[in-house]
Amino acid sequence: MVALNLDGQESVSMPTVIGETERELIQWAMDKTSGNQIRAAELLGVPRTTLQSKLAKLHAVETDADTSAVEAETSAGPLGVD
């Protein structure tokens, strides 16, 4: 499921590791339950509303990342050259 490998790391950001682990756990639960949020929340041992809140935040982060990538592509000139 979730594997944490810190070999070769000189430092680590705890909030980053926790966030990535949480994202992987939520994705695992959603895959395991074919997207059923009630069952996924039960698997994770959290209230459904907590899962929904976390899913909304994850979606917002993914949307921001997608938007940033699109903005970077559209701000470049032809063939990606400014």
N, C-alpha and C. Protein backbone atom coordinates (compact mmCIF):
# COMPACT_ATOMS: atom_id res chain seq x y z
N MET A 1 0.85 -1.17 0.00
CA MET A 1 0.00 0.00 0.00
C MET A 1 0.89 1.24 0.00
N VAL A 2 1.12 1.85 1.12
CA VAL A 2 1.93 3.06 1.19
C VAL A 2 3.32 2.68 1.69
N ALA A 3 4.33 3.06 0.94
CA ALA A 3 5.71 2.77 1.34
C ALA A 3 6.46 4.09 1.47
N LEU A 4 7.12 4.26 2.57
CA LEU A 4 7.89 5.47 2.81
C LEU A 4 9.36 5.10 2.70
N ASN A 5 10.03 5.70 1.72
CA ASN A 5 11.44 5.42 1.51
C ASN A 5 12.21 6.73 1.64
N LEU A 6 12.98 6.84 2.70
CA LEU A 6 13.75 8.05 2.94
C LEU A 6 15.24 7.83 2.76
N ASP A 7 15.62 6.69 2.16
CA ASP A 7 17.03 6.40 1.92
C ASP A 7 17.65 7.52 1.11
N GLY A 8 18.80 7.98 1.55
CA GLY A 8 19.53 9.01 0.82
C GLY A 8 19.03 10.42 1.06
N GLN A 9 17.98 10.59 1.87
CA GLN A 9 17.44 11.91 2.15
C GLN A 9 18.23 12.56 3.27
N GLU A 10 18.65 13.79 3.06
CA GLU A 10 19.31 14.52 4.13
C GLU A 10 18.31 15.22 5.03
N SER A 11 17.18 15.57 4.47
CA SER A 11 16.12 16.19 5.26
C SER A 11 14.78 15.81 4.64
N VAL A 12 13.75 16.01 5.42
CA VAL A 12 12.42 15.68 4.94
C VAL A 12 11.43 16.66 5.54
N SER A 13 10.45 17.03 4.76
CA SER A 13 9.40 17.92 5.23
C SER A 13 8.24 17.06 5.74
N MET A 14 8.03 17.06 7.03
CA MET A 14 6.99 16.24 7.62
C MET A 14 5.60 16.56 7.02
N PRO A 15 5.23 17.83 6.87
CA PRO A 15 3.92 18.11 6.27
C PRO A 15 3.80 17.55 4.84
N THR A 16 4.88 17.59 4.09
CA THR A 16 4.85 17.06 2.72
C THR A 16 4.65 15.56 2.74
N VAL A 17 5.39 14.87 3.59
CA VAL A 17 5.28 13.41 3.68
C VAL A 17 3.88 13.01 4.15
N ILE A 18 3.36 13.71 5.15
CA ILE A 18 2.02 13.40 5.65
C ILE A 18 0.98 13.65 4.56
N GLY A 19 1.10 14.74 3.86
CA GLY A 19 0.15 15.05 2.78
C GLY A 19 0.18 14.02 1.66
N GLU A 20 1.38 13.62 1.26
CA GLU A 20 1.51 12.61 0.20
C GLU A 20 0.96 11.26 0.65
N THR A 21 1.24 10.90 1.90
CA THR A 21 0.74 9.63 2.44
C THR A 21 -0.78 9.66 2.52
N GLU A 22 -1.34 10.76 2.97
CA GLU A 22 -2.80 10.90 3.05
C GLU A 22 -3.43 10.79 1.67
N ARG A 23 -2.82 11.45 0.68
CA ARG A 23 -3.33 11.38 -0.69
C ARG A 23 -3.32 9.94 -1.21
N GLU A 24 -2.23 9.23 -0.95
CA GLU A 24 -2.13 7.83 -1.40
C GLU A 24 -3.17 6.95 -0.70
N LEU A 25 -3.37 7.16 0.59
CA LEU A 25 -4.37 6.37 1.32
C LEU A 25 -5.78 6.63 0.80
N ILE A 26 -6.08 7.88 0.55
CA ILE A 26 -7.41 8.23 0.03
C ILE A 26 -7.59 7.62 -1.35
N GLN A 27 -6.58 7.70 -2.19
CA GLN A 27 -6.67 7.11 -3.54
C GLN A 27 -6.86 5.60 -3.44
N TRP A 28 -6.12 4.95 -2.53
CA TRP A 28 -6.26 3.51 -2.33
C TRP A 28 -7.69 3.16 -1.94
N ALA A 29 -8.23 3.89 -0.96
CA ALA A 29 -9.59 3.60 -0.48
C ALA A 29 -10.63 3.84 -1.57
N MET A 30 -10.45 4.92 -2.33
CA MET A 30 -11.41 5.22 -3.40
C MET A 30 -11.34 4.15 -4.50
N ASP A 31 -10.14 3.69 -4.82
CA ASP A 31 -9.99 2.63 -5.82
C ASP A 31 -10.61 1.32 -5.31
N LYS A 32 -10.32 1.00 -4.06
CA LYS A 32 -10.79 -0.25 -3.46
C LYS A 32 -12.33 -0.31 -3.41
N THR A 33 -12.97 0.84 -3.27
CA THR A 33 -14.43 0.89 -3.14
C THR A 33 -15.11 1.38 -4.41
N SER A 34 -14.35 1.42 -5.50
CA SER A 34 -14.88 1.89 -6.79
C SER A 34 -15.51 3.28 -6.66
N GLY A 35 -14.91 4.12 -5.84
CA GLY A 35 -15.36 5.50 -5.71
C GLY A 35 -16.47 5.73 -4.70
N ASN A 36 -16.86 4.71 -3.97
CA ASN A 36 -17.93 4.86 -2.98
C ASN A 36 -17.36 5.56 -1.75
N GLN A 37 -17.75 6.81 -1.56
CA GLN A 37 -17.18 7.62 -0.49
C GLN A 37 -17.55 7.12 0.90
N ILE A 38 -18.74 6.60 1.07
CA ILE A 38 -19.15 6.10 2.38
C ILE A 38 -18.29 4.90 2.76
N ARG A 39 -18.12 3.96 1.84
CA ARG A 39 -17.30 2.78 2.13
C ARG A 39 -15.83 3.16 2.28
N ALA A 40 -15.35 4.09 1.46
CA ALA A 40 -13.95 4.53 1.57
C ALA A 40 -13.69 5.17 2.93
N ALA A 41 -14.62 5.99 3.38
CA ALA A 41 -14.48 6.62 4.69
C ALA A 41 -14.45 5.57 5.79
N GLU A 42 -15.29 4.54 5.67
CA GLU A 42 -15.29 3.46 6.66
C GLU A 42 -13.95 2.73 6.65
N LEU A 43 -13.39 2.46 5.46
CA LEU A 43 -12.09 1.79 5.37
C LEU A 43 -10.99 2.61 6.06
N LEU A 44 -11.08 3.92 5.89
CA LEU A 44 -10.07 4.81 6.44
C LEU A 44 -10.32 5.16 7.91
N GLY A 45 -11.52 4.85 8.39
CA GLY A 45 -11.84 5.14 9.79
C GLY A 45 -12.07 6.61 10.06
N VAL A 46 -12.61 7.31 9.06
CA VAL A 46 -12.90 8.74 9.22
C VAL A 46 -14.36 8.98 8.85
N PRO A 47 -14.94 10.07 9.35
CA PRO A 47 -16.30 10.41 8.94
C PRO A 47 -16.35 10.72 7.43
N ARG A 48 -17.48 10.43 6.83
CA ARG A 48 -17.66 10.69 5.40
C ARG A 48 -17.41 12.16 5.07
N THR A 49 -17.84 13.04 5.95
CA THR A 49 -17.66 14.48 5.70
C THR A 49 -16.18 14.87 5.70
N THR A 50 -15.39 14.19 6.53
CA THR A 50 -13.95 14.44 6.54
C THR A 50 -13.34 14.01 5.22
N LEU A 51 -13.72 12.82 4.75
CA LEU A 51 -13.22 12.34 3.46
C LEU A 51 -13.63 13.29 2.34
N GLN A 52 -14.87 13.73 2.34
CA GLN A 52 -15.34 14.65 1.30
C GLN A 52 -14.55 15.96 1.32
N SER A 53 -14.25 16.46 2.50
CA SER A 53 -13.48 17.68 2.63
C SER A 53 -12.07 17.49 2.07
N LYS A 54 -11.46 16.36 2.41
CA LYS A 54 -10.11 16.08 1.93
C LYS A 54 -10.10 15.87 0.41
N LEU A 55 -11.13 15.21 -0.11
CA LEU A 55 -11.23 15.02 -1.56
C LEU A 55 -11.37 16.37 -2.27
N ALA A 56 -12.15 17.27 -1.70
CA ALA A 56 -12.32 18.59 -2.29
C ALA A 56 -11.00 19.35 -2.30
N LYS A 57 -10.24 19.26 -1.21
CA LYS A 57 -8.94 19.93 -1.15
C LYS A 57 -7.97 19.32 -2.16
N LEU A 58 -7.97 17.98 -2.26
CA LEU A 58 -7.09 17.32 -3.22
C LEU A 58 -7.46 17.72 -4.65
N HIS A 59 -8.75 17.80 -4.92
CA HIS A 59 -9.21 18.20 -6.25
C HIS A 59 -8.79 19.63 -6.55
N ALA A 60 -8.89 20.50 -5.55
CA ALA A 60 -8.49 21.90 -5.74
C ALA A 60 -7.00 22.00 -6.03
N VAL A 61 -6.20 21.21 -5.34
CA VAL A 61 -4.75 21.21 -5.58
C VAL A 61 -4.45 20.70 -6.98
N GLU A 62 -5.12 19.61 -7.38
CA GLU A 62 -4.90 19.07 -8.72
C GLU A 62 -5.34 20.07 -9.78
N THR A 63 -6.46 20.73 -9.55
CA THR A 63 -6.96 21.73 -10.50
C THR A 63 -6.00 22.90 -10.60
N ASP A 64 -5.46 23.36 -9.46
CA ASP A 64 -4.47 24.44 -9.47
C ASP A 64 -3.23 24.04 -10.26
N ALA A 65 -2.77 22.80 -10.08
CA ALA A 65 -1.59 22.32 -10.79
C ALA A 65 -1.87 22.25 -12.29
N ASP A 66 -3.06 21.75 -12.66
CA ASP A 66 -3.43 21.68 -14.07
C ASP A 66 -3.53 23.07 -14.67
N THR A 67 -4.13 24.00 -13.94
CA THR A 67 -4.28 25.37 -14.42
C THR A 67 -2.92 26.02 -14.61
N SER A 68 -2.01 25.80 -13.67
CA SER A 68 -0.66 26.37 -13.79
C SER A 68 0.05 25.83 -15.01
N ALA A 69 -0.11 24.54 -15.28
CA ALA A 69 0.55 23.94 -16.44
C ALA A 69 -0.03 24.51 -17.73
N VAL A 70 -1.35 24.67 -17.77
CA VAL A 70 -1.99 25.23 -18.96
C VAL A 70 -1.58 26.68 -19.15
N GLU A 71 -1.53 27.45 -18.07
CA GLU A 71 -1.12 28.86 -18.15
C GLU A 71 0.31 28.96 -18.66
N ALA A 72 1.17 28.07 -18.21
CA ALA A 72 2.57 28.10 -18.65
C ALA A 72 2.65 27.78 -20.15
N GLU A 73 1.83 26.83 -20.60
CA GLU A 73 1.84 26.47 -22.02
C GLU A 73 1.29 27.61 -22.88
N THR A 74 0.22 28.24 -22.42
CA THR A 74 -0.41 29.28 -23.23
C THR A 74 0.34 30.60 -23.20
N SER A 75 1.17 30.81 -22.16
CA SER A 75 1.93 32.05 -22.12
C SER A 75 3.17 31.98 -22.98
N ALA A 76 3.58 30.77 -23.32
CA ALA A 76 4.75 30.62 -24.20
C ALA A 76 4.33 30.93 -25.62
N GLY A 77 5.27 31.34 -26.40
CA GLY A 77 5.00 31.63 -27.80
C GLY A 77 4.87 30.35 -28.59
N PRO A 78 4.87 30.45 -29.94
CA PRO A 78 4.78 29.27 -30.79
C PRO A 78 5.91 28.28 -30.46
N LEU A 79 5.58 27.02 -30.49
CA LEU A 79 6.52 25.95 -30.20
C LEU A 79 7.09 26.05 -28.78
N GLY A 80 6.35 26.69 -27.88
CA GLY A 80 6.76 26.78 -26.48
C GLY A 80 7.91 27.74 -26.24
N VAL A 81 8.17 28.63 -27.20
CA VAL A 81 9.26 29.60 -27.05
C VAL A 81 8.67 30.96 -26.80
N ASP A 82 9.17 31.67 -25.81
CA ASP A 82 8.68 33.03 -25.51
C ASP A 82 9.18 34.01 -26.52
